[in-house]
């Protein structure tokens, strides 16, 4: 990854990847999702803000885990909620 001013993103030495390509919370609710994001602190995979439930953002607000990565096969980026920083790699 490129060097960034965000200390949360800079602290990541190895990206966590989605274990399963599903939103764990949407599955519990029987809902669908649009795109998936993986928390870089705990590894949970949840749905994006384009999805009805916005579970990834809700996870940040509940846990203060600041960095997510795209869990989509063709996307290579991370986002820090706390610093509103975006980095592609």
PDB file of N, CA and C in Angstrom:
ATOM      1  N   UNK A   1       0.839  -1.183   0.000  1.00  0.00           N
ATOM      2  CA  UNK A   1       0.000   0.000   0.000  1.00  0.00           C
ATOM      3  C   UNK A   1       0.878   1.238   0.000  1.00  0.00           C
ATOM      4  N   UNK A   2       0.359   2.299  -0.551  1.00  0.00           N
ATOM      5  CA  UNK A   2       1.096   3.553  -0.543  1.00  0.00           C
ATOM      6  C   UNK A   2       1.096   4.147   0.863  1.00  0.00           C
ATOM      7  N   UNK A   3       2.041   5.019   1.140  1.00  0.00           N
ATOM      8  CA  UNK A   3       2.129   5.682   2.443  1.00  0.00           C
ATOM      9  C   UNK A   3       0.991   6.691   2.562  1.00  0.00           C
ATOM     10  N   UNK A   4       0.305   6.694   3.693  1.00  0.00           N
ATOM     11  CA  UNK A   4      -0.805   7.619   3.902  1.00  0.00           C
ATOM     12  C   UNK A   4      -0.655   8.301   5.247  1.00  0.00           C
ATOM     13  N   UNK A   5      -1.342   9.422   5.397  1.00  0.00           N
ATOM     14  CA  UNK A   5      -1.289  10.173   6.644  1.00  0.00           C
ATOM     15  C   UNK A   5      -2.115   9.510   7.751  1.00  0.00           C
ATOM     16  N   UNK A   6      -3.007   8.628   7.387  1.00  0.00           N
ATOM     17  CA  UNK A   6      -3.875   7.967   8.358  1.00  0.00           C
ATOM     18  C   UNK A   6      -3.092   6.900   9.132  1.00  0.00           C
ATOM     19  N   UNK A   7      -2.989   7.069  10.420  1.00  0.00           N
ATOM     20  CA  UNK A   7      -2.240   6.108  11.240  1.00  0.00           C
ATOM     21  C   UNK A   7      -2.946   4.756  11.329  1.00  0.00           C
ATOM     22  N   UNK A   8      -4.264   4.750  11.205  1.00  0.00           N
ATOM     23  CA  UNK A   8      -5.011   3.490  11.267  1.00  0.00           C
ATOM     24  C   UNK A   8      -4.678   2.599  10.070  1.00  0.00           C
ATOM     25  N   UNK A   9      -4.660   3.193   8.877  1.00  0.00           N
ATOM     26  CA  UNK A   9      -4.327   2.437   7.676  1.00  0.00           C
ATOM     27  C   UNK A   9      -2.847   2.071   7.679  1.00  0.00           C
ATOM     28  N   UNK A  10      -1.995   2.999   8.068  1.00  0.00           N
ATOM     29  CA  UNK A  10      -0.552   2.737   8.094  1.00  0.00           C
ATOM     30  C   UNK A  10      -0.192   1.596   9.035  1.00  0.00           C
ATOM     31  N   UNK A  11      -1.002   1.360  10.047  1.00  0.00           N
ATOM     32  CA  UNK A  11      -0.724   0.312  11.039  1.00  0.00           C
ATOM     33  C   UNK A  11      -1.024  -1.092  10.510  1.00  0.00           C
ATOM     34  N   UNK A  12      -1.702  -1.200   9.373  1.00  0.00           N
ATOM     35  CA  UNK A  12      -2.054  -2.515   8.823  1.00  0.00           C
ATOM     36  C   UNK A  12      -0.841  -3.098   8.111  1.00  0.00           C
ATOM     37  N   UNK A  13      -0.403  -4.250   8.583  1.00  0.00           N
ATOM     38  CA  UNK A  13       0.739  -4.892   7.933  1.00  0.00           C
ATOM     39  C   UNK A  13       0.297  -5.996   6.969  1.00  0.00           C
ATOM     40  N   UNK A  14      -0.844  -6.603   7.248  1.00  0.00           N
ATOM     41  CA  UNK A  14      -1.379  -7.642   6.377  1.00  0.00           C
ATOM     42  C   UNK A  14      -2.898  -7.541   6.369  1.00  0.00           C
ATOM     43  N   UNK A  15      -3.484  -7.463   5.179  1.00  0.00           N
ATOM     44  CA  UNK A  15      -4.931  -7.326   5.070  1.00  0.00           C
ATOM     45  C   UNK A  15      -5.654  -8.595   5.465  1.00  0.00           C
ATOM     46  N   UNK A  16      -6.721  -8.425   6.218  1.00  0.00           N
ATOM     47  CA  UNK A  16      -7.626  -9.536   6.502  1.00  0.00           C
ATOM     48  C   UNK A  16      -8.538  -9.692   5.293  1.00  0.00           C
ATOM     49  N   UNK A  17      -8.833 -10.910   4.905  1.00  0.00           N
ATOM     50  CA  UNK A  17      -9.706 -11.159   3.766  1.00  0.00           C
ATOM     51  C   UNK A  17     -10.974 -11.857   4.245  1.00  0.00           C
ATOM     52  N   UNK A  18     -12.026 -11.722   3.462  1.00  0.00           N
ATOM     53  CA  UNK A  18     -13.305 -12.340   3.806  1.00  0.00           C
ATOM     54  C   UNK A  18     -13.165 -13.857   3.837  1.00  0.00           C
ATOM     55  N   UNK A  19     -13.630 -14.471   4.921  1.00  0.00           N
ATOM     56  CA  UNK A  19     -13.624 -15.933   5.017  1.00  0.00           C
ATOM     57  C   UNK A  19     -14.726 -16.517   4.148  1.00  0.00           C
ATOM     58  N   UNK A  20     -15.862 -15.858   4.145  1.00  0.00           N
ATOM     59  CA  UNK A  20     -16.988 -16.231   3.283  1.00  0.00           C
ATOM     60  C   UNK A  20     -17.453 -14.967   2.586  1.00  0.00           C
ATOM     61  N   UNK A  21     -17.957 -15.086   1.408  1.00  0.00           N
ATOM     62  CA  UNK A  21     -18.386 -13.916   0.645  1.00  0.00           C
ATOM     63  C   UNK A  21     -19.865 -13.632   0.895  1.00  0.00           C
ATOM     64  N   UNK A  22     -20.181 -13.358   2.171  1.00  0.00           N
ATOM     65  CA  UNK A  22     -21.549 -13.029   2.597  1.00  0.00           C
ATOM     66  C   UNK A  22     -21.494 -11.984   3.700  1.00  0.00           C
ATOM     67  N   UNK A  23     -22.562 -11.206   3.829  1.00  0.00           N
ATOM     68  CA  UNK A  23     -22.709 -10.322   4.989  1.00  0.00           C
ATOM     69  C   UNK A  23     -23.285 -11.174   6.109  1.00  0.00           C
ATOM     70  N   UNK A  24     -22.504 -11.370   7.144  1.00  0.00           N
ATOM     71  CA  UNK A  24     -22.908 -12.241   8.250  1.00  0.00           C
ATOM     72  C   UNK A  24     -24.211 -11.772   8.902  1.00  0.00           C
ATOM     73  N   UNK A  25     -24.409 -10.467   9.021  1.00  0.00           N
ATOM     74  CA  UNK A  25     -25.623  -9.934   9.657  1.00  0.00           C
ATOM     75  C   UNK A  25     -26.834 -10.021   8.727  1.00  0.00           C
ATOM     76  N   UNK A  26     -26.652  -9.777   7.439  1.00  0.00           N
ATOM     77  CA  UNK A  26     -27.768  -9.902   6.489  1.00  0.00           C
ATOM     78  C   UNK A  26     -28.249 -11.349   6.410  1.00  0.00           C
ATOM     79  N   UNK A  27     -27.318 -12.297   6.474  1.00  0.00           N
ATOM     80  CA  UNK A  27     -27.694 -13.709   6.451  1.00  0.00           C
ATOM     81  C   UNK A  27     -28.624 -14.004   7.630  1.00  0.00           C
ATOM     82  N   UNK A  28     -28.293 -13.488   8.810  1.00  0.00           N
ATOM     83  CA  UNK A  28     -29.135 -13.697  10.000  1.00  0.00           C
ATOM     84  C   UNK A  28     -30.539 -13.131   9.802  1.00  0.00           C
ATOM     85  N   UNK A  29     -30.631 -12.006   9.063  1.00  0.00           N
ATOM     86  CA  UNK A  29     -31.920 -11.345   8.841  1.00  0.00           C
ATOM     87  C   UNK A  29     -32.659 -11.866   7.614  1.00  0.00           C
ATOM     88  N   UNK A  30     -31.971 -12.636   6.793  1.00  0.00           N
ATOM     89  CA  UNK A  30     -32.576 -13.101   5.546  1.00  0.00           C
ATOM     90  C   UNK A  30     -32.613 -12.023   4.485  1.00  0.00           C
ATOM     91  N   UNK A  31     -31.746 -11.010   4.599  1.00  0.00           N
ATOM     92  CA  UNK A  31     -31.702  -9.895   3.654  1.00  0.00           C
ATOM     93  C   UNK A  31     -30.591 -10.086   2.628  1.00  0.00           C
ATOM     94  N   UNK A  32     -30.644  -9.263   1.583  1.00  0.00           N
ATOM     95  CA  UNK A  32     -29.616  -9.241   0.540  1.00  0.00           C
ATOM     96  C   UNK A  32     -28.688  -8.055   0.793  1.00  0.00           C
ATOM     97  N   UNK A  33     -27.565  -8.031   0.080  1.00  0.00           N
ATOM     98  CA  UNK A  33     -26.610  -6.935   0.173  1.00  0.00           C
ATOM     99  C   UNK A  33     -26.144  -6.589  -1.222  1.00  0.00           C
ATOM    100  N   UNK A  34     -25.467  -5.414  -1.336  1.00  0.00           N
ATOM    101  CA  UNK A  34     -24.957  -4.960  -2.628  1.00  0.00           C
ATOM    102  C   UNK A  34     -23.477  -5.320  -2.759  1.00  0.00           C
ATOM    103  N   UNK A  35     -22.651  -4.819  -1.843  1.00  0.00           N
ATOM    104  CA  UNK A  35     -21.210  -5.092  -1.837  1.00  0.00           C
ATOM    105  C   UNK A  35     -20.792  -5.446  -0.421  1.00  0.00           C
ATOM    106  N   UNK A  36     -19.624  -6.039  -0.308  1.00  0.00           N
ATOM    107  CA  UNK A  36     -19.137  -6.488   1.002  1.00  0.00           C
ATOM    108  C   UNK A  36     -17.849  -5.789   1.399  1.00  0.00           C
ATOM    109  N   UNK A  37     -17.684  -5.580   2.704  1.00  0.00           N
ATOM    110  CA  UNK A  37     -16.500  -4.947   3.281  1.00  0.00           C
ATOM    111  C   UNK A  37     -16.013  -5.814   4.436  1.00  0.00           C
ATOM    112  N   UNK A  38     -14.687  -5.858   4.628  1.00  0.00           N
ATOM    113  CA  UNK A  38     -14.116  -6.644   5.713  1.00  0.00           C
ATOM    114  C   UNK A  38     -13.428  -5.724   6.709  1.00  0.00           C
ATOM    115  N   UNK A  39     -13.788  -5.849   7.961  1.00  0.00           N
ATOM    116  CA  UNK A  39     -13.169  -5.074   9.040  1.00  0.00           C
ATOM    117  C   UNK A  39     -11.723  -5.523   9.187  1.00  0.00           C
ATOM    118  N   UNK A  40     -10.814  -4.568   9.217  1.00  0.00           N
ATOM    119  CA  UNK A  40      -9.405  -4.905   9.303  1.00  0.00           C
ATOM    120  C   UNK A  40      -8.918  -5.077  10.733  1.00  0.00           C
ATOM    121  N   UNK A  41      -9.804  -4.889  11.694  1.00  0.00           N
ATOM    122  CA  UNK A  41      -9.439  -5.169  13.085  1.00  0.00           C
ATOM    123  C   UNK A  41      -9.873  -6.562  13.518  1.00  0.00           C
ATOM    124  N   UNK A  42     -11.125  -6.921  13.226  1.00  0.00           N
ATOM    125  CA  UNK A  42     -11.633  -8.207  13.717  1.00  0.00           C
ATOM    126  C   UNK A  42     -11.920  -9.219  12.607  1.00  0.00           C
ATOM    127  N   UNK A  43     -11.926  -8.775  11.336  1.00  0.00           N
ATOM    128  CA  UNK A  43     -12.104  -9.697  10.223  1.00  0.00           C
ATOM    129  C   UNK A  43     -13.537 -10.004   9.835  1.00  0.00           C
ATOM    130  N   UNK A  44     -14.519  -9.411  10.488  1.00  0.00           N
ATOM    131  CA  UNK A  44     -15.913  -9.659  10.135  1.00  0.00           C
ATOM    132  C   UNK A  44     -16.206  -9.046   8.760  1.00  0.00           C
ATOM    133  N   UNK A  45     -17.027  -9.727   7.962  1.00  0.00           N
ATOM    134  CA  UNK A  45     -17.405  -9.229   6.641  1.00  0.00           C
ATOM    135  C   UNK A  45     -18.874  -8.823   6.680  1.00  0.00           C
ATOM    136  N   UNK A  46     -19.129  -7.582   6.255  1.00  0.00           N
ATOM    137  CA  UNK A  46     -20.459  -6.993   6.354  1.00  0.00           C
ATOM    138  C   UNK A  46     -20.782  -6.194   5.096  1.00  0.00           C
ATOM    139  N   UNK A  47     -22.041  -5.767   4.974  1.00  0.00           N
ATOM    140  CA  UNK A  47     -22.493  -5.064   3.777  1.00  0.00           C
ATOM    141  C   UNK A  47     -22.147  -3.575   3.805  1.00  0.00           C
ATOM    142  N   UNK A  48     -22.076  -3.003   2.595  1.00  0.00           N
ATOM    143  CA  UNK A  48     -21.680  -1.608   2.397  1.00  0.00           C
ATOM    144  C   UNK A  48     -22.865  -0.655   2.596  1.00  0.00           C
ATOM    145  N   UNK A  49     -22.573   0.636   2.451  1.00  0.00           N
ATOM    146  CA  UNK A  49     -23.611   1.655   2.612  1.00  0.00           C
ATOM    147  C   UNK A  49     -24.614   1.701   1.464  1.00  0.00           C
ATOM    148  N   UNK A  50     -24.323   1.054   0.346  1.00  0.00           N
ATOM    149  CA  UNK A  50     -25.314   0.952  -0.728  1.00  0.00           C
ATOM    150  C   UNK A  50     -26.345  -0.132  -0.428  1.00  0.00           C
ATOM    151  N   UNK A  51     -26.061  -0.945   0.562  1.00  0.00           N
ATOM    152  CA  UNK A  51     -26.980  -2.005   0.984  1.00  0.00           C
ATOM    153  C   UNK A  51     -27.999  -1.447   1.970  1.00  0.00           C
ATOM    154  N   UNK A  52     -29.136  -2.083   2.057  1.00  0.00           N
ATOM    155  CA  UNK A  52     -30.230  -1.630   2.921  1.00  0.00           C
ATOM    156  C   UNK A  52     -29.805  -1.454   4.377  1.00  0.00           C
ATOM    157  N   UNK A  53     -29.038  -2.407   4.903  1.00  0.00           N
ATOM    158  CA  UNK A  53     -28.734  -2.415   6.335  1.00  0.00           C
ATOM    159  C   UNK A  53     -27.454  -1.694   6.742  1.00  0.00           C
ATOM    160  N   UNK A  54     -26.567  -1.424   5.815  1.00  0.00           N
ATOM    161  CA  UNK A  54     -25.329  -0.680   6.088  1.00  0.00           C
ATOM    162  C   UNK A  54     -24.578  -1.234   7.294  1.00  0.00           C
ATOM    163  N   UNK A  55     -24.417  -2.554   7.327  1.00  0.00           N
ATOM    164  CA  UNK A  55     -23.834  -3.205   8.497  1.00  0.00           C
ATOM    165  C   UNK A  55     -22.372  -2.837   8.747  1.00  0.00           C
ATOM    166  N   UNK A  56     -21.580  -2.571   7.708  1.00  0.00           N
ATOM    167  CA  UNK A  56     -20.168  -2.222   7.925  1.00  0.00           C
ATOM    168  C   UNK A  56     -20.050  -0.901   8.689  1.00  0.00           C
ATOM    169  N   UNK A  57     -20.819   0.090   8.300  1.00  0.00           N
ATOM    170  CA  UNK A  57     -20.784   1.377   9.001  1.00  0.00           C
ATOM    171  C   UNK A  57     -21.340   1.228  10.415  1.00  0.00           C
ATOM    172  N   UNK A  58     -22.396   0.459  10.573  1.00  0.00           N
ATOM    173  CA  UNK A  58     -22.943   0.213  11.909  1.00  0.00           C
ATOM    174  C   UNK A  58     -21.905  -0.466  12.803  1.00  0.00           C
ATOM    175  N   UNK A  59     -21.133  -1.370  12.225  1.00  0.00           N
ATOM    176  CA  UNK A  59     -20.063  -2.055  12.968  1.00  0.00           C
ATOM    177  C   UNK A  59     -19.024  -1.046  13.453  1.00  0.00           C
ATOM    178  N   UNK A  60     -18.629  -0.106  12.594  1.00  0.00           N
ATOM    179  CA  UNK A  60     -17.685   0.940  13.002  1.00  0.00           C
ATOM    180  C   UNK A  60     -18.249   1.739  14.171  1.00  0.00           C
ATOM    181  N   UNK A  61     -19.504   2.155  14.088  1.00  0.00           N
ATOM    182  CA  UNK A  61     -20.101   2.958  15.163  1.00  0.00           C
ATOM    183  C   UNK A  61     -20.226   2.171  16.466  1.00  0.00           C
ATOM    184  N   UNK A  62     -20.455   0.891  16.377  1.00  0.00           N
ATOM    185  CA  UNK A  62     -20.609   0.049  17.570  1.00  0.00           C
ATOM    186  C   UNK A  62     -19.274  -0.335  18.200  1.00  0.00           C
ATOM    187  N   UNK A  63     -18.227  -0.469  17.384  1.00  0.00           N
ATOM    188  CA  UNK A  63     -16.959  -1.015  17.888  1.00  0.00           C
ATOM    189  C   UNK A  63     -15.785  -0.042  17.833  1.00  0.00           C
ATOM    190  N   UNK A  64     -15.902   1.013  17.026  1.00  0.00           N
ATOM    191  CA  UNK A  64     -14.808   1.953  16.752  1.00  0.00           C
ATOM    192  C   UNK A  64     -13.654   1.291  15.997  1.00  0.00           C
ATOM    193  N   UNK A  65     -13.914   0.168  15.322  1.00  0.00           N
ATOM    194  CA  UNK A  65     -12.908  -0.438  14.434  1.00  0.00           C
ATOM    195  C   UNK A  65     -12.877   0.434  13.177  1.00  0.00           C
ATOM    196  N   UNK A  66     -11.805   1.183  12.936  1.00  0.00           N
ATOM    197  CA  UNK A  66     -11.847   2.238  11.921  1.00  0.00           C
ATOM    198  C   UNK A  66     -11.651   1.834  10.466  1.00  0.00           C
ATOM    199  N   UNK A  67     -10.969   0.715  10.178  1.00  0.00           N
ATOM    200  CA  UNK A  67     -10.572   0.441   8.796  1.00  0.00           C
ATOM    201  C   UNK A  67     -11.297  -0.777   8.228  1.00  0.00           C
ATOM    202  N   UNK A  68     -11.838  -0.583   7.021  1.00  0.00           N
ATOM    203  CA  UNK A  68     -12.447  -1.676   6.265  1.00  0.00           C
ATOM    204  C   UNK A  68     -11.724  -1.802   4.932  1.00  0.00           C
ATOM    205  N   UNK A  69     -11.814  -2.980   4.345  1.00  0.00           N
ATOM    206  CA  UNK A  69     -11.339  -3.160   2.976  1.00  0.00           C
ATOM    207  C   UNK A  69     -12.499  -3.700   2.157  1.00  0.00           C
ATOM    208  N   UNK A  70     -12.411  -3.513   0.856  1.00  0.00           N
ATOM    209  CA  UNK A  70     -13.414  -4.104  -0.006  1.00  0.00           C
ATOM    210  C   UNK A  70     -13.230  -5.616   0.003  1.00  0.00           C
ATOM    211  N   UNK A  71     -14.331  -6.341   0.098  1.00  0.00           N
ATOM    212  CA  UNK A  71     -14.286  -7.800   0.019  1.00  0.00           C
ATOM    213  C   UNK A  71     -14.696  -8.267  -1.376  1.00  0.00           C
ATOM    214  N   UNK A  72     -14.846  -7.318  -2.292  1.00  0.00           N
ATOM    215  CA  UNK A  72     -15.201  -7.653  -3.666  1.00  0.00           C
ATOM    216  C   UNK A  72     -13.962  -8.153  -4.396  1.00  0.00           C
ATOM    217  N   UNK A  73     -14.142  -9.151  -5.232  1.00  0.00           N
ATOM    218  CA  UNK A  73     -13.025  -9.808  -5.908  1.00  0.00           C
ATOM    219  C   UNK A  73     -12.205  -8.868  -6.787  1.00  0.00           C
ATOM    220  N   UNK A  74     -12.823  -7.886  -7.395  1.00  0.00           N
ATOM    221  CA  UNK A  74     -12.135  -7.015  -8.343  1.00  0.00           C
ATOM    222  C   UNK A  74     -11.772  -5.647  -7.771  1.00  0.00           C
ATOM    223  N   UNK A  75     -11.866  -5.455  -6.464  1.00  0.00           N
ATOM    224  CA  UNK A  75     -11.558  -4.163  -5.842  1.00  0.00           C
ATOM    225  C   UNK A  75     -10.419  -4.336  -4.840  1.00  0.00           C
ATOM    226  N   UNK A  76      -9.490  -3.376  -4.854  1.00  0.00           N
ATOM    227  CA  UNK A  76      -8.344  -3.426  -3.946  1.00  0.00           C
ATOM    228  C   UNK A  76      -8.178  -2.050  -3.294  1.00  0.00           C
ATOM    229  N   UNK A  77      -8.907  -1.841  -2.202  1.00  0.00           N
ATOM    230  CA  UNK A  77      -8.811  -0.582  -1.482  1.00  0.00           C
ATOM    231  C   UNK A  77      -9.158  -0.766  -0.014  1.00  0.00           C
ATOM    232  N   UNK A  78      -8.749   0.216   0.793  1.00  0.00           N
ATOM    233  CA  UNK A  78      -9.116   0.278   2.205  1.00  0.00           C
ATOM    234  C   UNK A  78      -9.654   1.679   2.494  1.00  0.00           C
ATOM    235  N   UNK A  79     -10.514   1.767   3.511  1.00  0.00           N
ATOM    236  CA  UNK A  79     -11.142   3.031   3.916  1.00  0.00           C
ATOM    237  C   UNK A  79     -11.057   3.125   5.425  1.00  0.00           C
ATOM    238  N   UNK A  80     -10.687   4.296   5.908  1.00  0.00           N
ATOM    239  CA  UNK A  80     -10.686   4.563   7.343  1.00  0.00           C
ATOM    240  C   UNK A  80     -11.847   5.487   7.660  1.00  0.00           C
ATOM    241  N   UNK A  81     -12.794   4.991   8.438  1.00  0.00           N
ATOM    242  CA  UNK A  81     -13.932   5.816   8.845  1.00  0.00           C
ATOM    243  C   UNK A  81     -13.479   6.993   9.694  1.00  0.00           C
ATOM    244  N   UNK A  82     -12.569   6.764  10.631  1.00  0.00           N
ATOM    245  CA  UNK A  82     -12.153   7.799  11.584  1.00  0.00           C
ATOM    246  C   UNK A  82     -11.513   8.997  10.888  1.00  0.00           C
ATOM    247  N   UNK A  83     -10.635   8.728   9.925  1.00  0.00           N
ATOM    248  CA  UNK A  83      -9.913   9.803   9.251  1.00  0.00           C
ATOM    249  C   UNK A  83     -10.433  10.103   7.847  1.00  0.00           C
ATOM    250  N   UNK A  84     -11.463   9.374   7.420  1.00  0.00           N
ATOM    251  CA  UNK A  84     -12.020   9.517   6.084  1.00  0.00           C
ATOM    252  C   UNK A  84     -10.913   9.446   5.035  1.00  0.00           C
ATOM    253  N   UNK A  85     -10.071   8.410   5.162  1.00  0.00           N
ATOM    254  CA  UNK A  85      -8.961   8.185   4.244  1.00  0.00           C
ATOM    255  C   UNK A  85      -9.231   6.971   3.378  1.00  0.00           C
ATOM    256  N   UNK A  86      -8.884   7.074   2.110  1.00  0.00           N
ATOM    257  CA  UNK A  86      -9.098   6.024   1.132  1.00  0.00           C
ATOM    258  C   UNK A  86      -7.764   5.726   0.465  1.00  0.00           C
ATOM    259  N   UNK A  87      -7.399   4.457   0.385  1.00  0.00           N
ATOM    260  CA  UNK A  87      -6.143   4.066  -0.249  1.00  0.00           C
ATOM    261  C   UNK A  87      -6.401   2.870  -1.148  1.00  0.00           C
ATOM    262  N   UNK A  88      -5.913   2.938  -2.369  1.00  0.00           N
ATOM    263  CA  UNK A  88      -5.944   1.773  -3.245  1.00  0.00           C
ATOM    264  C   UNK A  88      -4.589   1.094  -3.177  1.00  0.00           C
ATOM    265  N   UNK A  89      -4.573  -0.184  -3.474  1.00  0.00           N
ATOM    266  CA  UNK A  89      -3.293  -0.925  -3.445  1.00  0.00           C
ATOM    267  C   UNK A  89      -3.245  -1.926  -4.571  1.00  0.00           C
TER     268      UNK A  89
END
